[in-house]
Amino acid sequence: MLAEQAQAEAERQAEKERQRKLPEKKGVPTPKRKEQERARRRPLVAGDRKAAKKLQRQQIADQRAKMRQAMETGDERYLPLRDRGRQKRFIRDYIDARTGIGEWLLVIVLIFLFASFIMTEEARATSAFTLWFLMLAVIVECWWVARQARRKIDAKFGAENREKGIRFYALMRALQMRPLRLPKPLVRRGEFPS
């Protein structure tokens, strides 16, 4: 009930603002400065602080719930700013459709870490060398992904329309494990966007 009253009051204030911004008709005297200041005056603190704080918390919780839902469904309206836009959507779909080494890097490093406790010294040295080779492969893949992302965006949207930071966005998404990516992947592997 308090939330409804606060909402109605906010709507009334917005209507007053719209009315005040309309141009005055001819023949009506210009309002005095004191009258204008009085019309703009609003309390700094709401009359009922508890209700205002509760309403604010509810609005923030609703906004977060919408954002969480958007991360699952890909709804552009409620996604965070860093994930909005046609180019970001295109890059997400492109990265989610491919399979790369980078997304498995964390799993492989963890396996190596736990396996190194039971390995012999020679096996540990060999697996460390393999791990360094894998890191080099991931770096090369990162370069390749950033290059491909730029080329795909330039081909679809034009080089002059390319958003700043699109290659880094593609790179960071390619390094995340597929089940942990947010927004969730909406395409299956191999379903590259056109």
Protein backbone atom coordinates (compact mmCIF):
# COMPACT_ATOMS: atom_id res chain seq x y z
CA MET A 1 0.00 0.00 0.00
CA LEU A 2 2.82 2.40 0.86
CA ALA A 3 4.60 1.44 -2.34
CA GLU A 4 1.45 2.22 -4.35
CA GLN A 5 1.13 5.62 -2.66
CA ALA A 6 4.77 6.41 -3.35
CA GLN A 7 4.32 5.34 -6.98
CA ALA A 8 1.21 7.53 -7.36
CA GLU A 9 3.06 10.48 -5.81
CA ALA A 10 5.96 9.97 -8.22
CA GLU A 11 3.55 9.91 -11.16
CA ARG A 12 1.90 13.13 -9.95
CA GLN A 13 5.29 14.80 -9.64
CA ALA A 14 6.24 13.68 -13.16
CA GLU A 15 2.96 15.08 -14.51
CA LYS A 16 3.61 18.41 -12.77
CA GLU A 17 7.09 18.49 -14.30
CA ARG A 18 5.66 17.91 -17.79
CA GLN A 19 3.04 20.61 -17.27
CA ARG A 20 5.62 23.07 -16.01
CA LYS A 21 7.86 22.51 -19.03
CA LEU A 22 5.09 23.33 -21.50
CA PRO A 23 5.40 26.82 -23.00
CA GLU A 24 3.16 29.41 -21.38
CA LYS A 25 0.34 30.92 -23.39
CA LYS A 26 0.52 34.52 -24.50
CA GLY A 27 -1.14 37.01 -22.24
CA VAL A 28 -0.25 35.13 -19.06
CA PRO A 29 2.17 37.03 -16.81
CA THR A 30 5.62 35.53 -16.31
CA PRO A 31 5.78 33.75 -12.96
CA LYS A 32 7.82 35.44 -10.27
CA ARG A 33 11.11 33.91 -9.21
CA LYS A 34 9.77 33.04 -5.77
CA GLU A 35 6.84 31.18 -7.32
CA GLN A 36 9.14 29.18 -9.59
CA GLU A 37 11.45 28.29 -6.71
CA ARG A 38 8.49 27.25 -4.56
CA ALA A 39 7.17 25.04 -7.38
CA ARG A 40 10.56 23.29 -7.70
CA ARG A 41 10.99 22.75 -3.99
CA ARG A 42 10.96 19.09 -2.93
CA PRO A 43 11.95 17.55 0.36
CA LEU A 44 15.47 16.11 0.43
CA VAL A 45 14.32 13.26 2.60
CA ALA A 46 11.06 11.43 2.06
CA GLY A 47 8.33 11.88 4.66
CA ASP A 48 8.36 8.21 5.58
CA ARG A 49 12.00 7.11 5.44
CA LYS A 50 11.32 3.45 6.19
CA ALA A 51 8.79 3.16 3.37
CA ALA A 52 11.08 5.01 0.95
CA LYS A 53 14.02 2.78 1.82
CA LYS A 54 11.88 -0.34 1.50
CA LEU A 55 10.61 0.83 -1.90
CA GLN A 56 14.15 1.56 -3.04
CA ARG A 57 15.36 -1.89 -1.94
CA GLN A 58 12.45 -3.53 -3.74
CA GLN A 59 13.19 -1.62 -6.94
CA ILE A 60 16.86 -2.62 -6.81
CA ALA A 61 15.93 -6.27 -6.17
CA ASP A 62 13.49 -6.22 -9.10
CA GLN A 63 16.14 -4.72 -11.36
CA ARG A 64 18.68 -7.37 -10.33
CA ALA A 65 16.15 -10.15 -10.90
CA LYS A 66 15.44 -8.82 -14.39
CA MET A 67 19.18 -8.66 -15.09
CA ARG A 68 19.69 -12.24 -13.85
CA GLN A 69 16.82 -13.42 -16.03
CA ALA A 70 18.29 -11.54 -19.00
CA MET A 71 21.64 -13.25 -18.45
CA GLU A 72 19.85 -16.59 -18.81
CA THR A 73 17.64 -15.68 -21.78
CA GLY A 74 19.72 -13.05 -23.60
CA ASP A 75 17.03 -10.35 -23.37
CA GLU A 76 18.81 -7.20 -24.62
CA ARG A 77 16.67 -4.76 -22.61
CA TYR A 78 17.96 -5.84 -19.20
CA LEU A 79 21.52 -6.95 -19.99
CA PRO A 80 24.37 -4.96 -18.46
CA LEU A 81 25.75 -2.24 -20.72
CA ARG A 82 28.92 -4.22 -21.47
CA ASP A 83 26.83 -7.00 -23.07
CA ARG A 84 24.28 -4.94 -25.01
CA GLY A 85 24.24 -4.41 -28.73
CA ARG A 86 24.07 -6.27 -32.00
CA GLN A 87 27.84 -6.56 -32.33
CA LYS A 88 28.29 -8.02 -28.86
CA ARG A 89 25.46 -10.49 -29.54
CA PHE A 90 27.10 -11.51 -32.83
CA ILE A 91 30.48 -12.03 -31.13
CA ARG A 92 28.89 -14.02 -28.29
CA ASP A 93 27.19 -16.33 -30.78
CA TYR A 94 30.38 -16.69 -32.82
CA ILE A 95 32.53 -17.53 -29.76
CA ASP A 96 29.90 -19.90 -28.33
CA ALA A 97 29.69 -21.81 -31.62
CA ARG A 98 33.39 -22.59 -31.70
CA THR A 99 35.48 -24.96 -29.60
CA GLY A 100 38.79 -23.68 -28.31
CA ILE A 101 41.71 -24.64 -26.13
CA GLY A 102 41.40 -21.56 -23.92
CA GLU A 103 38.15 -22.63 -22.33
CA TRP A 104 39.78 -25.86 -21.10
CA LEU A 105 42.91 -24.19 -19.75
CA LEU A 106 41.65 -23.79 -16.19
CA VAL A 107 40.54 -27.42 -15.97
CA ILE A 108 43.86 -28.69 -17.36
CA VAL A 109 45.89 -26.53 -14.96
CA LEU A 110 43.86 -27.78 -11.99
CA ILE A 111 44.34 -31.40 -13.08
CA PHE A 112 48.08 -30.79 -13.44
CA LEU A 113 48.23 -29.17 -10.02
CA PHE A 114 46.58 -32.07 -8.22
CA ALA A 115 48.35 -34.72 -10.29
CA SER A 116 51.75 -33.17 -9.56
CA PHE A 117 51.49 -34.33 -5.94
CA ILE A 118 51.52 -37.99 -6.95
CA MET A 119 53.83 -37.83 -10.00
CA THR A 120 57.45 -38.73 -10.13
CA GLU A 121 60.01 -35.97 -10.73
CA GLU A 122 60.48 -36.92 -14.41
CA ALA A 123 56.73 -37.04 -15.06
CA ARG A 124 56.30 -33.67 -13.34
CA ALA A 125 58.98 -32.10 -15.54
CA THR A 126 57.41 -33.55 -18.69
CA SER A 127 53.92 -32.36 -17.72
CA ALA A 128 55.29 -28.90 -16.85
CA PHE A 129 56.85 -28.70 -20.32
CA THR A 130 53.50 -29.78 -21.80
CA LEU A 131 51.73 -27.15 -19.72
CA TRP A 132 54.05 -24.42 -21.04
CA PHE A 133 53.37 -25.62 -24.59
CA LEU A 134 49.63 -25.47 -23.85
CA MET A 135 49.97 -21.89 -22.54
CA LEU A 136 51.75 -20.91 -25.75
CA ALA A 137 48.95 -22.52 -27.76
CA VAL A 138 46.35 -20.54 -25.77
CA ILE A 139 48.22 -17.28 -26.45
CA VAL A 140 48.28 -18.05 -30.17
CA GLU A 141 44.59 -18.94 -30.02
CA CYS A 142 43.83 -15.64 -28.26
CA TRP A 143 45.56 -13.74 -31.05
CA TRP A 144 43.62 -15.75 -33.62
CA VAL A 145 40.25 -15.23 -31.90
CA ALA A 146 40.78 -11.46 -31.62
CA ARG A 147 41.75 -11.29 -35.29
CA GLN A 148 38.78 -13.37 -36.41
CA ALA A 149 36.39 -11.33 -34.26
CA ARG A 150 37.59 -8.10 -35.85
CA ARG A 151 37.29 -9.57 -39.35
CA LYS A 152 33.79 -10.95 -38.75
CA ILE A 153 32.55 -7.65 -37.28
CA ASP A 154 34.10 -5.66 -40.12
CA ALA A 155 32.48 -7.95 -42.69
CA LYS A 156 29.02 -7.79 -41.11
CA PHE A 157 28.82 -4.25 -39.70
CA GLY A 158 31.62 -2.39 -41.47
CA ALA A 159 35.03 -1.33 -40.17
CA GLU A 160 33.86 2.22 -39.45
CA ASN A 161 31.00 0.92 -37.24
CA ARG A 162 33.12 -1.44 -35.15
CA GLU A 163 32.59 -0.92 -31.41
CA LYS A 164 35.64 -0.20 -29.33
CA GLY A 165 36.84 -3.16 -27.26
CA ILE A 166 35.06 -5.85 -29.31
CA ARG A 167 38.25 -7.92 -29.71
CA PHE A 168 38.91 -7.92 -25.96
CA TYR A 169 35.26 -8.87 -25.35
CA ALA A 170 35.63 -11.85 -27.73
CA LEU A 171 38.93 -12.84 -26.16
CA MET A 172 37.60 -12.85 -22.59
CA ARG A 173 34.55 -14.87 -23.61
CA ALA A 174 36.73 -17.41 -25.44
CA LEU A 175 38.83 -17.95 -22.30
CA GLN A 176 35.81 -18.74 -20.10
CA MET A 177 34.48 -22.26 -19.70
CA ARG A 178 31.28 -22.60 -21.71
CA PRO A 179 29.00 -23.54 -18.76
CA LEU A 180 30.22 -20.52 -16.77
CA ARG A 181 29.74 -17.90 -19.50
CA LEU A 182 27.34 -15.04 -18.84
CA PRO A 183 25.12 -14.25 -20.69
CA LYS A 184 24.45 -17.94 -21.23
CA PRO A 185 25.28 -19.35 -24.69
CA LEU A 186 22.20 -19.34 -26.92
CA VAL A 187 23.69 -21.36 -29.79
CA ARG A 188 25.04 -24.88 -29.95
CA ARG A 189 28.58 -25.66 -30.99
CA GLY A 190 28.90 -25.40 -34.76
CA GLU A 191 25.91 -23.04 -35.18
CA PHE A 192 27.91 -20.04 -36.39
CA PRO A 193 25.96 -16.79 -36.93
CA SER A 194 25.55 -15.58 -40.49
